[in-house]
Amino acid sequence: MQEFFEFKTMVSSILIKVLYVLGVLVVTIYGIISLFSGSFMMGLGTIIFGNLFWRLFCEGIIVVFSIHDRLSSIDSKTAASHDPRSGQF
């Protein structure tokens, strides 16, 4: 719990995955409503391209957080192997 309040544990990736599922539901329901309200092509396009765009958007955000995690891992590994007496990394 202490790591959570010190922001050492990131909850962003979990939150983004939940928001992704909710977004897919909203886009799909909107597309289905459009299908049956007389705008068939708009509904079909919304279901296909709306969900594709939403997926790419969420993946882009997850990539940013993944880069942060990997850079933090590299930083902690190099900090552990650095000997300040030698003057070298």
Protein backbone atom coordinates (compact mmCIF):
# COMPACT_ATOMS: atom_id res chain seq x y z
CA MET A 1 0.00 0.00 0.00
CA GLN A 2 2.91 2.32 0.69
CA GLU A 3 4.17 1.87 -2.89
CA PHE A 4 0.77 3.01 -4.13
CA PHE A 5 0.92 6.28 -2.22
CA GLU A 6 4.55 6.87 -3.24
CA PHE A 7 3.56 6.38 -6.91
CA LYS A 8 5.96 3.45 -7.34
CA THR A 9 3.12 1.23 -8.51
CA MET A 10 1.40 2.47 -11.64
CA VAL A 11 -2.30 1.77 -12.04
CA SER A 12 -2.56 3.48 -15.40
CA SER A 13 -2.28 0.35 -17.54
CA ILE A 14 -5.08 -1.37 -15.60
CA LEU A 15 -7.25 1.74 -15.81
CA ILE A 16 -6.63 2.07 -19.55
CA LYS A 17 -7.63 -1.57 -20.12
CA VAL A 18 -10.90 -1.00 -18.23
CA LEU A 19 -11.55 2.19 -20.20
CA TYR A 20 -10.81 0.28 -23.41
CA VAL A 21 -13.52 -2.29 -22.68
CA LEU A 22 -16.01 0.44 -21.76
CA GLY A 23 -15.13 2.37 -24.92
CA VAL A 24 -15.62 -0.71 -27.10
CA LEU A 25 -19.04 -1.22 -25.58
CA VAL A 26 -20.04 2.41 -26.14
CA VAL A 27 -18.77 2.51 -29.74
CA THR A 28 -20.39 -0.82 -30.60
CA ILE A 29 -23.75 0.11 -29.05
CA TYR A 30 -23.68 3.44 -30.88
CA GLY A 31 -22.90 1.61 -34.11
CA ILE A 32 -25.75 -0.85 -33.61
CA ILE A 33 -28.17 2.00 -32.89
CA SER A 34 -26.99 3.72 -36.08
CA LEU A 35 -27.46 0.49 -38.04
CA PHE A 36 -31.11 0.22 -37.07
CA SER A 37 -31.96 3.91 -37.24
CA GLY A 38 -31.60 4.04 -41.01
CA SER A 39 -27.92 4.89 -41.34
CA PHE A 40 -26.58 1.44 -42.15
CA MET A 41 -23.21 2.46 -43.60
CA MET A 42 -22.51 4.92 -40.79
CA GLY A 43 -23.31 2.26 -38.20
CA LEU A 44 -21.15 -0.32 -39.91
CA GLY A 45 -18.31 2.17 -40.27
CA THR A 46 -18.61 3.15 -36.62
CA ILE A 47 -18.46 -0.45 -35.47
CA ILE A 48 -15.43 -1.26 -37.62
CA PHE A 49 -13.41 1.95 -37.76
CA GLY A 50 -14.53 3.36 -34.42
CA ASN A 51 -13.37 0.27 -32.57
CA LEU A 52 -10.15 0.16 -34.61
CA PHE A 53 -9.38 3.80 -33.82
CA TRP A 54 -10.21 3.29 -30.12
CA ARG A 55 -7.91 0.24 -29.99
CA LEU A 56 -5.01 2.11 -31.60
CA PHE A 57 -5.51 5.09 -29.28
CA CYS A 58 -5.47 2.91 -26.15
CA GLU A 59 -2.45 0.93 -27.40
CA GLY A 60 -0.59 4.19 -27.95
CA ILE A 61 -1.21 5.25 -24.37
CA ILE A 62 -0.12 1.84 -23.06
CA VAL A 63 3.08 2.07 -25.14
CA VAL A 64 3.96 5.36 -23.43
CA PHE A 65 3.56 3.77 -19.99
CA SER A 66 5.48 0.69 -21.14
CA ILE A 67 8.38 2.91 -22.22
CA HIS A 68 8.31 4.54 -18.79
CA ASP A 69 8.42 1.15 -17.05
CA ARG A 70 11.34 -0.06 -19.15
CA LEU A 71 13.30 3.16 -18.68
CA SER A 72 12.74 2.94 -14.93
CA SER A 73 14.00 -0.64 -14.98
CA ILE A 74 17.11 0.35 -16.93
CA ASP A 75 17.72 3.27 -14.57
CA SER A 76 17.49 1.07 -11.48
CA LYS A 77 19.86 -1.51 -13.01
CA THR A 78 22.47 1.08 -13.95
CA ALA A 79 22.20 2.81 -10.57
CA ALA A 80 22.83 -0.51 -8.81
CA SER A 81 25.90 -1.29 -10.92
CA HIS A 82 27.44 2.20 -10.70
CA ASP A 83 30.46 2.45 -8.39
CA PRO A 84 30.94 6.11 -7.43
CA ARG A 85 34.60 5.52 -6.43
CA SER A 86 35.66 4.41 -9.90
CA GLY A 87 34.20 7.39 -11.73
CA GLN A 88 32.87 5.07 -14.45
CA PHE A 89 29.42 3.76 -15.23
